[in-house]
C-alpha atoms as a PDB file:
ATOM      1  CA  UNK A   1     -61.043  13.823  16.833  1.00  0.00           C
ATOM      2  CA  UNK A   2     -61.396  15.472  20.213  1.00  0.00           C
ATOM      3  CA  UNK A   3     -63.854  14.322  22.851  1.00  0.00           C
ATOM      4  CA  UNK A   4     -66.269  16.538  24.787  1.00  0.00           C
ATOM      5  CA  UNK A   5     -67.078  16.138  28.476  1.00  0.00           C
ATOM      6  CA  UNK A   6     -69.016  17.786  31.276  1.00  0.00           C
ATOM      7  CA  UNK A   7     -67.881  17.821  34.912  1.00  0.00           C
ATOM      8  CA  UNK A   8     -69.824  19.013  37.939  1.00  0.00           C
ATOM      9  CA  UNK A   9     -72.447  17.961  40.437  1.00  0.00           C
ATOM     10  CA  UNK A  10     -74.657  15.139  39.182  1.00  0.00           C
ATOM     11  CA  UNK A  11     -77.896  17.124  39.264  1.00  0.00           C
ATOM     12  CA  UNK A  12     -76.400  19.688  36.912  1.00  0.00           C
ATOM     13  CA  UNK A  13     -74.737  17.397  34.374  1.00  0.00           C
ATOM     14  CA  UNK A  14     -76.806  14.233  33.891  1.00  0.00           C
ATOM     15  CA  UNK A  15     -78.891  15.842  31.147  1.00  0.00           C
ATOM     16  CA  UNK A  16     -75.788  16.223  28.993  1.00  0.00           C
ATOM     17  CA  UNK A  17     -75.491  12.435  28.714  1.00  0.00           C
ATOM     18  CA  UNK A  18     -78.758  12.446  26.765  1.00  0.00           C
ATOM     19  CA  UNK A  19     -77.102  14.433  23.983  1.00  0.00           C
ATOM     20  CA  UNK A  20     -74.060  12.160  23.855  1.00  0.00           C
ATOM     21  CA  UNK A  21     -71.550  14.017  25.983  1.00  0.00           C
ATOM     22  CA  UNK A  22     -69.428  12.146  28.497  1.00  0.00           C
ATOM     23  CA  UNK A  23     -70.207  13.158  32.054  1.00  0.00           C
ATOM     24  CA  UNK A  24     -68.015  13.136  35.142  1.00  0.00           C
ATOM     25  CA  UNK A  25     -70.031  13.690  38.325  1.00  0.00           C
ATOM     26  CA  UNK A  26     -67.848  15.453  40.866  1.00  0.00           C
ATOM     27  CA  UNK A  27     -68.393  17.605  43.954  1.00  0.00           C
ATOM     28  CA  UNK A  28     -64.851  17.575  45.345  1.00  0.00           C
ATOM     29  CA  UNK A  29     -62.378  20.236  44.183  1.00  0.00           C
ATOM     30  CA  UNK A  30     -59.275  18.023  44.341  1.00  0.00           C
ATOM     31  CA  UNK A  31     -61.034  15.205  42.520  1.00  0.00           C
ATOM     32  CA  UNK A  32     -62.066  17.713  39.841  1.00  0.00           C
ATOM     33  CA  UNK A  33     -58.464  18.876  39.363  1.00  0.00           C
ATOM     34  CA  UNK A  34     -57.296  15.284  38.878  1.00  0.00           C
ATOM     35  CA  UNK A  35     -60.185  14.449  36.556  1.00  0.00           C
ATOM     36  CA  UNK A  36     -59.561  17.506  34.378  1.00  0.00           C
ATOM     37  CA  UNK A  37     -55.856  16.678  34.207  1.00  0.00           C
ATOM     38  CA  UNK A  38     -56.699  13.133  33.039  1.00  0.00           C
ATOM     39  CA  UNK A  39     -59.166  14.481  30.476  1.00  0.00           C
ATOM     40  CA  UNK A  40     -56.578  16.951  29.135  1.00  0.00           C
ATOM     41  CA  UNK A  41     -54.075  14.111  28.732  1.00  0.00           C
ATOM     42  CA  UNK A  42     -56.593  11.802  27.051  1.00  0.00           C
ATOM     43  CA  UNK A  43     -57.888  13.745  24.070  1.00  0.00           C
ATOM     44  CA  UNK A  44     -60.672  15.927  25.427  1.00  0.00           C
ATOM     45  CA  UNK A  45     -60.880  19.133  23.419  1.00  0.00           C
ATOM     46  CA  UNK A  46     -63.804  20.738  25.229  1.00  0.00           C
ATOM     47  CA  UNK A  47     -64.592  20.403  28.918  1.00  0.00           C
ATOM     48  CA  UNK A  48     -67.714  22.044  30.279  1.00  0.00           C
ATOM     49  CA  UNK A  49     -67.555  22.611  34.038  1.00  0.00           C
ATOM     50  CA  UNK A  50     -70.241  23.923  36.337  1.00  0.00           C
ATOM     51  CA  UNK A  51     -69.536  27.450  37.521  1.00  0.00           C
ATOM     52  CA  UNK A  52     -69.757  26.385  41.151  1.00  0.00           C
ATOM     53  CA  UNK A  53     -67.035  23.749  40.722  1.00  0.00           C
ATOM     54  CA  UNK A  54     -64.923  26.027  38.504  1.00  0.00           C
ATOM     55  CA  UNK A  55     -64.951  28.750  41.154  1.00  0.00           C
ATOM     56  CA  UNK A  56     -63.451  26.280  43.637  1.00  0.00           C
ATOM     57  CA  UNK A  57     -60.488  25.486  41.361  1.00  0.00           C
ATOM     58  CA  UNK A  58     -59.928  28.726  39.418  1.00  0.00           C
ATOM     59  CA  UNK A  59     -56.203  28.743  40.169  1.00  0.00           C
ATOM     60  CA  UNK A  60     -55.819  25.233  38.789  1.00  0.00           C
ATOM     61  CA  UNK A  61     -57.813  26.091  35.673  1.00  0.00           C
ATOM     62  CA  UNK A  62     -55.515  29.037  34.880  1.00  0.00           C
ATOM     63  CA  UNK A  63     -52.879  26.662  33.474  1.00  0.00           C
ATOM     64  CA  UNK A  64     -55.292  25.733  30.657  1.00  0.00           C
ATOM     65  CA  UNK A  65     -56.399  29.287  29.841  1.00  0.00           C
ATOM     66  CA  UNK A  66     -53.548  30.013  27.417  1.00  0.00           C
ATOM     67  CA  UNK A  67     -53.669  26.606  25.731  1.00  0.00           C
ATOM     68  CA  UNK A  68     -55.909  25.962  22.734  1.00  0.00           C
ATOM     69  CA  UNK A  69     -56.860  22.492  23.981  1.00  0.00           C
ATOM     70  CA  UNK A  70     -58.710  21.691  26.097  1.00  0.00           C
ATOM     71  CA  UNK A  71     -61.109  24.599  26.123  1.00  0.00           C
ATOM     72  CA  UNK A  72     -62.599  24.657  29.631  1.00  0.00           C
ATOM     73  CA  UNK A  73     -65.944  26.415  29.603  1.00  0.00           C
ATOM     74  CA  UNK A  74     -67.909  27.260  32.771  1.00  0.00           C
ATOM     75  CA  UNK A  75     -71.653  26.655  32.555  1.00  0.00           C
ATOM     76  CA  UNK A  76     -74.450  27.406  35.021  1.00  0.00           C
ATOM     77  CA  UNK A  77     -75.374  24.520  37.275  1.00  0.00           C
ATOM     78  CA  UNK A  78     -78.667  23.430  38.792  1.00  0.00           C
ATOM     79  CA  UNK A  79     -78.231  26.168  41.417  1.00  0.00           C
ATOM     80  CA  UNK A  80     -78.229  28.878  38.752  1.00  0.00           C
ATOM     81  CA  UNK A  81     -75.804  31.283  37.147  1.00  0.00           C
ATOM     82  CA  UNK A  82     -72.999  32.725  39.279  1.00  0.00           C
ATOM     83  CA  UNK A  83     -71.648  35.007  36.538  1.00  0.00           C
ATOM     84  CA  UNK A  84     -68.266  33.242  36.399  1.00  0.00           C
ATOM     85  CA  UNK A  85     -68.660  32.299  32.732  1.00  0.00           C
ATOM     86  CA  UNK A  86     -69.410  35.865  31.694  1.00  0.00           C
ATOM     87  CA  UNK A  87     -66.509  37.216  33.758  1.00  0.00           C
ATOM     88  CA  UNK A  88     -64.178  34.801  31.955  1.00  0.00           C
ATOM     89  CA  UNK A  89     -65.471  35.919  28.555  1.00  0.00           C
ATOM     90  CA  UNK A  90     -64.985  39.542  29.564  1.00  0.00           C
ATOM     91  CA  UNK A  91     -61.445  38.815  30.768  1.00  0.00           C
ATOM     92  CA  UNK A  92     -60.596  37.069  27.481  1.00  0.00           C
ATOM     93  CA  UNK A  93     -61.998  39.921  25.382  1.00  0.00           C
ATOM     94  CA  UNK A  94     -60.098  42.476  27.452  1.00  0.00           C
ATOM     95  CA  UNK A  95     -56.890  40.510  26.995  1.00  0.00           C
ATOM     96  CA  UNK A  96     -57.450  40.183  23.248  1.00  0.00           C
ATOM     97  CA  UNK A  97     -58.344  43.813  22.456  1.00  0.00           C
ATOM     98  CA  UNK A  98     -56.689  45.670  25.316  1.00  0.00           C
ATOM     99  CA  UNK A  99     -59.817  47.120  26.923  1.00  0.00           C
ATOM    100  CA  UNK A 100     -63.107  45.979  28.389  1.00  0.00           C
ATOM    101  CA  UNK A 101     -65.526  46.531  25.497  1.00  0.00           C
ATOM    102  CA  UNK A 102     -68.248  44.456  27.170  1.00  0.00           C
ATOM    103  CA  UNK A 103     -68.777  46.635  30.247  1.00  0.00           C
ATOM    104  CA  UNK A 104     -71.784  48.928  30.492  1.00  0.00           C
ATOM    105  CA  UNK A 105     -69.683  51.815  31.846  1.00  0.00           C
END
C-alpha cells in the first residue's frame, strides 16, 4: 500500500497531520528536492506539495510527471492560490487530448 505525504511550509501543512497524512515541513528548494526523491524511493504514492514550493522546483518535478507513482499534486498554501495547480491540470489535459479544452477562449 502506498503512503501519502504533504511537503511545504509548516503553516500550510500542519493541518494535514490531523487527518493522518505524513507531513514534511520544508522551505528550502534543495531540501525539498532531496525529500521528494527519498519519498519516491520509499513507497509514497501521492505527494501533495504547496504551490509556492513546487514553483521553486518545477524543473525537478518534471521527472515525475510521466511516471504513475508518485503523483505529485500542487496545493494552495497559507499564502493562497498561485494558479500552479490549475496550470498543471490544463497542461495534462492538453497533452492527453491534443488541445486546451479548459481555456475560456
